[in-house]
Amino acid sequence: MTNGELESAIRRALNIFDDWVEVTGFVTKHTSYYYEFQSLIEDAVHCGAQQATGDFKKLESERTDD
């Protein structure tokens, strides 16, 4: 998977999320919760890409300062 393909997948997922937000009104756009949800969606796309390619790496959100 190329970086462009990954970015395209992320953009698609975020567009689906934005459509859902427009329909449901569940979260207000451009608020901290909205950006947190976007971050979770991006992580999910990265997880899917890693699974598809077999290239597993810890995401930034999984890292701890232990």
Protein backbone atom coordinates (compact mmCIF):
# COMPACT_ATOMS: atom_id res chain seq x y z
CA MET A 1 0.00 0.00 0.00
CA THR A 2 1.40 3.37 -0.96
CA ASN A 3 1.21 6.49 1.20
CA GLY A 4 -1.21 7.96 -1.34
CA GLU A 5 -3.52 4.95 -1.06
CA LEU A 6 -3.43 5.15 2.72
CA GLU A 7 -4.20 8.88 2.68
CA SER A 8 -7.06 8.23 0.25
CA ALA A 9 -8.49 5.57 2.58
CA ILE A 10 -8.25 7.95 5.54
CA ARG A 11 -9.97 10.74 3.58
CA ARG A 12 -12.75 8.35 2.53
CA ALA A 13 -13.33 7.23 6.12
CA LEU A 14 -13.39 10.83 7.36
CA ASN A 15 -15.84 11.79 4.61
CA ILE A 16 -18.13 8.95 5.70
CA PHE A 17 -17.83 10.19 9.29
CA ASP A 18 -18.65 13.77 8.23
CA ASP A 19 -21.74 12.55 6.35
CA TRP A 20 -22.82 10.63 9.45
CA VAL A 21 -22.28 13.71 11.64
CA GLU A 22 -24.42 15.79 9.27
CA VAL A 23 -27.26 13.26 9.44
CA THR A 24 -27.17 12.48 13.16
CA GLY A 25 -25.85 15.67 14.72
CA PHE A 26 -24.26 13.38 17.31
CA VAL A 27 -21.20 15.58 17.72
CA THR A 28 -20.64 19.22 16.81
CA LYS A 29 -18.05 19.73 14.09
CA HIS A 30 -14.74 21.36 15.05
CA THR A 31 -15.02 20.54 18.74
CA SER A 32 -12.59 18.49 20.81
CA TYR A 33 -14.87 15.42 20.63
CA TYR A 34 -15.12 15.74 16.84
CA TYR A 35 -11.33 15.76 16.53
CA GLU A 36 -11.02 12.84 18.96
CA PHE A 37 -13.42 10.81 16.82
CA GLN A 38 -11.42 11.72 13.72
CA SER A 39 -8.25 10.50 15.41
CA LEU A 40 -9.90 7.19 16.29
CA ILE A 41 -11.06 6.77 12.70
CA GLU A 42 -7.56 7.45 11.37
CA ASP A 43 -6.13 4.86 13.78
CA ALA A 44 -8.74 2.34 12.62
CA VAL A 45 -7.78 2.89 8.98
CA HIS A 46 -4.12 2.42 9.89
CA CYS A 47 -5.01 -0.83 11.72
CA GLY A 48 -6.87 -2.08 8.67
CA ALA A 49 -4.00 -1.18 6.37
CA GLN A 50 -1.52 -2.94 8.65
CA GLN A 51 -3.71 -6.03 8.74
CA ALA A 52 -4.07 -6.02 4.95
CA THR A 53 -0.35 -5.67 4.33
CA GLY A 54 0.99 -7.66 7.29
CA ASP A 55 3.13 -4.68 8.28
CA PHE A 56 2.37 -4.33 12.00
CA LYS A 57 3.72 -1.32 13.90
CA LYS A 58 2.48 0.28 17.10
CA LEU A 59 0.45 3.39 16.47
CA GLU A 60 1.28 6.59 18.29
CA SER A 61 -1.87 6.16 20.38
CA GLU A 62 -0.68 2.71 21.53
CA ARG A 63 2.70 3.86 22.74
CA THR A 64 3.34 4.46 26.41
CA ASP A 65 6.22 6.19 28.16
CA ASP A 66 7.11 3.13 30.24
